[in-house]
Each structure stands twice: as structure tokens, then as C-alpha cells.
Amino acid sequence: MKEKTQVSSAASAGQGMCFGCGKKNPFGLRLKFRRDGGGVRAEFTPGEYYQSWTNIIHGGIITAILDEAMGHATLMSGNFGFLTASIQINLK
């Protein structure tokens, strides 16, 4: 059985306006990350307002989810005071 403990975020614990995980952001993704083995997991079903072409999720949303997942994985490992300096994603 995989361990699934919710990972708290400095952003959601504060103002709650984080685009990725903030509970108070009406335009955000509201991702809820949980520990899963040596990483984190979240489920997300995008609405049509997150698409680029019909039925295709926007690449920026995919990138935001990946960035958020990396941040939560870092928090889970006990590291704080980090931010993304660079991210490169190639989408097709």
C-alpha cells in the first residue's frame, strides 16, 4: 500500500492564492498533492477553460502542474526556501 499523506505548502498555508495549490484562488488549479512512495501525486481533470485547441490542455498548464509537483516533492523532502530558476519543457 502506498503512503498518501497530504503535503502542506507554504503558499496554501499562507494566503491560499497559489495558482497551483491555493484553495482561495478562484482561477487556480487547486491541486492537492499527497506523498506517494518517494514522490508526490495529485489528480487533475482540466475544464475547457484550460485548453488551447479543442480538447487539448494548454502546454502552460501542463508546465505549471509539473513545476508545482517538483515544488511539493521538494517540500516533502524537508527543503524550504526554493524556487524554480529555470524550466524547459518540449511539448508535441
N, C-alpha and C. Protein backbone atom coordinates (compact mmCIF):
# COMPACT_ATOMS: atom_id res chain seq x y z
N MET A 1 0.84 -1.18 0.00
CA MET A 1 0.00 0.00 0.00
C MET A 1 0.88 1.24 0.00
N LYS A 2 0.55 2.21 -0.83
CA LYS A 2 1.35 3.42 -0.94
C LYS A 2 0.92 4.43 0.12
N GLU A 3 1.93 5.10 0.69
CA GLU A 3 1.66 6.13 1.68
C GLU A 3 1.08 7.35 0.99
N LYS A 4 -0.02 7.88 1.51
CA LYS A 4 -0.65 9.05 0.92
C LYS A 4 -0.97 10.05 2.02
N THR A 5 -0.02 10.88 2.35
CA THR A 5 -0.19 11.91 3.35
C THR A 5 -0.14 13.24 2.65
N GLN A 6 -1.11 14.11 2.93
CA GLN A 6 -1.13 15.40 2.25
C GLN A 6 0.10 16.21 2.62
N VAL A 7 0.69 16.82 1.62
CA VAL A 7 1.87 17.66 1.80
C VAL A 7 1.39 19.09 1.96
N SER A 8 1.77 19.73 3.06
CA SER A 8 1.35 21.13 3.24
C SER A 8 2.28 22.03 2.45
N SER A 9 1.74 23.12 1.97
CA SER A 9 2.50 24.06 1.16
C SER A 9 2.58 25.39 1.88
N ALA A 10 3.72 26.04 1.81
CA ALA A 10 3.86 27.36 2.40
C ALA A 10 2.88 28.33 1.75
N ALA A 11 2.63 28.16 0.46
CA ALA A 11 1.72 29.06 -0.26
C ALA A 11 0.28 28.87 0.19
N SER A 12 -0.19 27.63 0.26
CA SER A 12 -1.58 27.42 0.64
C SER A 12 -1.79 27.63 2.13
N ALA A 13 -0.74 27.46 2.94
CA ALA A 13 -0.85 27.70 4.37
C ALA A 13 -0.92 29.20 4.66
N GLY A 14 -0.36 30.01 3.75
CA GLY A 14 -0.37 31.46 3.93
C GLY A 14 -1.64 32.06 3.40
N GLN A 15 -1.53 32.74 2.30
CA GLN A 15 -2.67 33.45 1.72
C GLN A 15 -3.62 32.53 0.96
N GLY A 16 -3.16 31.38 0.54
CA GLY A 16 -4.02 30.46 -0.20
C GLY A 16 -4.25 30.86 -1.64
N MET A 17 -3.43 31.77 -2.17
CA MET A 17 -3.65 32.25 -3.53
C MET A 17 -2.69 31.65 -4.55
N CYS A 18 -1.92 30.64 -4.15
CA CYS A 18 -1.02 29.99 -5.10
C CYS A 18 -1.84 29.48 -6.30
N PHE A 19 -1.37 29.75 -7.51
CA PHE A 19 -2.09 29.30 -8.71
C PHE A 19 -2.21 27.78 -8.75
N GLY A 20 -1.18 27.08 -8.31
CA GLY A 20 -1.19 25.62 -8.38
C GLY A 20 -1.98 24.95 -7.28
N CYS A 21 -1.78 25.38 -6.02
CA CYS A 21 -2.37 24.65 -4.90
C CYS A 21 -3.26 25.48 -3.99
N GLY A 22 -3.36 26.78 -4.23
CA GLY A 22 -4.13 27.64 -3.34
C GLY A 22 -5.61 27.32 -3.34
N LYS A 23 -6.17 27.20 -2.15
CA LYS A 23 -7.59 26.89 -2.00
C LYS A 23 -8.47 28.11 -2.24
N LYS A 24 -7.90 29.31 -2.11
CA LYS A 24 -8.69 30.54 -2.24
C LYS A 24 -8.62 31.16 -3.63
N ASN A 25 -7.79 30.62 -4.51
CA ASN A 25 -7.63 31.19 -5.84
C ASN A 25 -8.73 30.65 -6.76
N PRO A 26 -9.70 31.49 -7.13
CA PRO A 26 -10.82 31.01 -7.96
C PRO A 26 -10.40 30.62 -9.38
N PHE A 27 -9.22 31.06 -9.82
CA PHE A 27 -8.75 30.74 -11.17
C PHE A 27 -7.66 29.68 -11.16
N GLY A 28 -7.25 29.25 -9.98
CA GLY A 28 -6.14 28.32 -9.86
C GLY A 28 -6.53 26.87 -10.13
N LEU A 29 -5.52 26.02 -10.06
CA LEU A 29 -5.70 24.59 -10.33
C LEU A 29 -6.18 23.82 -9.11
N ARG A 30 -5.94 24.36 -7.93
CA ARG A 30 -6.34 23.74 -6.65
C ARG A 30 -5.86 22.31 -6.50
N LEU A 31 -4.62 22.09 -6.87
CA LEU A 31 -4.03 20.75 -6.77
C LEU A 31 -3.81 20.38 -5.31
N LYS A 32 -4.08 19.14 -4.99
CA LYS A 32 -3.86 18.61 -3.64
C LYS A 32 -2.85 17.47 -3.77
N PHE A 33 -1.62 17.76 -3.39
CA PHE A 33 -0.56 16.76 -3.51
C PHE A 33 -0.51 15.87 -2.29
N ARG A 34 -0.21 14.61 -2.54
CA ARG A 34 -0.05 13.62 -1.48
C ARG A 34 1.25 12.88 -1.72
N ARG A 35 1.84 12.42 -0.63
CA ARG A 35 3.04 11.58 -0.75
C ARG A 35 2.65 10.29 -1.46
N ASP A 36 3.56 9.81 -2.28
CA ASP A 36 3.34 8.55 -2.98
C ASP A 36 4.70 7.90 -3.18
N GLY A 37 5.05 7.00 -2.30
CA GLY A 37 6.38 6.40 -2.36
C GLY A 37 7.43 7.46 -2.14
N GLY A 38 8.35 7.60 -3.09
CA GLY A 38 9.41 8.61 -2.98
C GLY A 38 9.07 9.91 -3.67
N GLY A 39 7.82 10.09 -4.07
CA GLY A 39 7.42 11.30 -4.78
C GLY A 39 6.09 11.83 -4.28
N VAL A 40 5.43 12.58 -5.12
CA VAL A 40 4.12 13.13 -4.80
C VAL A 40 3.15 12.82 -5.94
N ARG A 41 1.88 12.91 -5.63
CA ARG A 41 0.84 12.64 -6.62
C ARG A 41 -0.32 13.61 -6.41
N ALA A 42 -0.93 14.02 -7.50
CA ALA A 42 -2.14 14.83 -7.47
C ALA A 42 -2.99 14.42 -8.66
N GLU A 43 -4.29 14.55 -8.51
CA GLU A 43 -5.19 14.29 -9.64
C GLU A 43 -5.75 15.62 -10.11
N PHE A 44 -5.89 15.75 -11.42
CA PHE A 44 -6.40 16.99 -12.00
C PHE A 44 -7.17 16.65 -13.27
N THR A 45 -8.40 17.10 -13.33
CA THR A 45 -9.22 16.96 -14.54
C THR A 45 -9.46 18.37 -15.07
N PRO A 46 -8.81 18.73 -16.18
CA PRO A 46 -8.92 20.10 -16.67
C PRO A 46 -10.28 20.38 -17.30
N GLY A 47 -10.79 21.56 -16.99
CA GLY A 47 -12.00 22.04 -17.64
C GLY A 47 -11.64 22.65 -18.98
N GLU A 48 -12.65 22.99 -19.76
CA GLU A 48 -12.39 23.52 -21.11
C GLU A 48 -11.67 24.87 -21.08
N TYR A 49 -11.72 25.57 -19.96
CA TYR A 49 -11.04 26.86 -19.85
C TYR A 49 -9.53 26.71 -19.71
N TYR A 50 -9.01 25.48 -19.61
CA TYR A 50 -7.57 25.23 -19.56
C TYR A 50 -7.05 24.68 -20.88
N GLN A 51 -7.85 24.76 -21.94
CA GLN A 51 -7.43 24.18 -23.21
C GLN A 51 -6.80 25.23 -24.12
N SER A 52 -6.04 24.72 -25.09
CA SER A 52 -5.53 25.59 -26.15
C SER A 52 -6.41 25.33 -27.37
N TRP A 53 -6.23 24.18 -28.01
CA TRP A 53 -7.13 23.74 -29.06
C TRP A 53 -8.25 22.93 -28.41
N THR A 54 -9.31 22.66 -29.14
CA THR A 54 -10.43 21.89 -28.60
C THR A 54 -9.94 20.56 -28.04
N ASN A 55 -10.28 20.30 -26.78
CA ASN A 55 -9.96 19.06 -26.08
C ASN A 55 -8.46 18.80 -25.90
N ILE A 56 -7.64 19.83 -26.00
CA ILE A 56 -6.19 19.69 -25.78
C ILE A 56 -5.79 20.69 -24.69
N ILE A 57 -5.23 20.17 -23.60
CA ILE A 57 -4.83 21.04 -22.49
C ILE A 57 -3.67 21.94 -22.92
N HIS A 58 -3.69 23.17 -22.47
CA HIS A 58 -2.66 24.14 -22.81
C HIS A 58 -1.32 23.72 -22.22
N GLY A 59 -0.26 23.85 -23.00
CA GLY A 59 1.08 23.46 -22.55
C GLY A 59 1.54 24.22 -21.32
N GLY A 60 1.10 25.45 -21.17
CA GLY A 60 1.46 26.23 -19.98
C GLY A 60 0.87 25.65 -18.71
N ILE A 61 -0.33 25.08 -18.83
CA ILE A 61 -0.96 24.43 -17.67
C ILE A 61 -0.19 23.17 -17.30
N ILE A 62 0.20 22.39 -18.31
CA ILE A 62 1.00 21.18 -18.05
C ILE A 62 2.30 21.57 -17.35
N THR A 63 2.94 22.62 -17.84
CA THR A 63 4.20 23.07 -17.25
C THR A 63 3.99 23.55 -15.81
N ALA A 64 2.90 24.28 -15.57
CA ALA A 64 2.61 24.75 -14.22
C ALA A 64 2.40 23.57 -13.26
N ILE A 65 1.71 22.52 -13.73
CA ILE A 65 1.48 21.34 -12.89
C ILE A 65 2.81 20.65 -12.58
N LEU A 66 3.68 20.51 -13.57
CA LEU A 66 4.99 19.90 -13.34
C LEU A 66 5.83 20.73 -12.37
N ASP A 67 5.81 22.04 -12.53
CA ASP A 67 6.55 22.92 -11.63
C ASP A 67 6.03 22.80 -10.21
N GLU A 68 4.73 22.76 -10.07
CA GLU A 68 4.10 22.62 -8.75
C GLU A 68 4.46 21.28 -8.11
N ALA A 69 4.44 20.22 -8.92
CA ALA A 69 4.78 18.88 -8.41
C ALA A 69 6.23 18.85 -7.92
N MET A 70 7.13 19.46 -8.66
CA MET A 70 8.54 19.49 -8.23
C MET A 70 8.68 20.27 -6.92
N GLY A 71 7.94 21.35 -6.79
CA GLY A 71 7.98 22.13 -5.56
C GLY A 71 7.48 21.34 -4.37
N HIS A 72 6.37 20.64 -4.56
CA HIS A 72 5.81 19.85 -3.46
C HIS A 72 6.70 18.66 -3.11
N ALA A 73 7.33 18.07 -4.11
CA ALA A 73 8.27 16.98 -3.83
C ALA A 73 9.45 17.50 -3.00
N THR A 74 9.90 18.72 -3.30
CA THR A 74 10.98 19.32 -2.53
C THR A 74 10.54 19.61 -1.11
N LEU A 75 9.32 20.16 -0.94
CA LEU A 75 8.78 20.39 0.40
C LEU A 75 8.69 19.09 1.18
N MET A 76 8.23 18.03 0.51
CA MET A 76 8.07 16.74 1.16
C MET A 76 9.41 16.22 1.69
N SER A 77 10.49 16.55 1.01
CA SER A 77 11.80 16.07 1.44
C SER A 77 12.39 16.93 2.55
N GLY A 78 11.65 17.97 2.96
CA GLY A 78 12.09 18.81 4.08
C GLY A 78 12.89 20.03 3.69
N ASN A 79 12.98 20.32 2.41
CA ASN A 79 13.71 21.50 1.94
C ASN A 79 12.76 22.68 1.76
N PHE A 80 13.17 23.85 2.22
CA PHE A 80 12.35 25.04 2.12
C PHE A 80 13.19 26.17 1.53
N GLY A 81 12.57 27.24 1.11
CA GLY A 81 13.29 28.39 0.59
C GLY A 81 13.83 28.19 -0.81
N PHE A 82 13.06 27.56 -1.67
CA PHE A 82 13.48 27.29 -3.04
C PHE A 82 12.51 27.95 -4.00
N LEU A 83 12.92 28.07 -5.24
CA LEU A 83 12.04 28.49 -6.32
C LEU A 83 12.61 27.97 -7.63
N THR A 84 11.77 27.94 -8.64
CA THR A 84 12.22 27.47 -9.95
C THR A 84 13.01 28.58 -10.62
N ALA A 85 14.26 28.30 -10.92
CA ALA A 85 15.11 29.27 -11.61
C ALA A 85 14.98 29.12 -13.11
N SER A 86 14.76 27.88 -13.56
CA SER A 86 14.66 27.60 -14.99
C SER A 86 13.90 26.30 -15.18
N ILE A 87 13.09 26.27 -16.21
CA ILE A 87 12.38 25.04 -16.56
C ILE A 87 12.26 25.00 -18.08
N GLN A 88 12.55 23.85 -18.67
CA GLN A 88 12.45 23.70 -20.12
C GLN A 88 11.59 22.48 -20.41
N ILE A 89 10.53 22.68 -21.14
CA ILE A 89 9.59 21.62 -21.50
C ILE A 89 9.42 21.63 -23.01
N ASN A 90 9.53 20.48 -23.64
CA ASN A 90 9.26 20.35 -25.07
C ASN A 90 7.98 19.55 -25.23
N LEU A 91 6.95 20.18 -25.77
CA LEU A 91 5.64 19.55 -25.93
C LEU A 91 5.33 19.34 -27.41
N LYS A 92 4.66 18.24 -27.71
CA LYS A 92 4.20 17.99 -29.08
C LYS A 92 2.73 17.71 -29.06
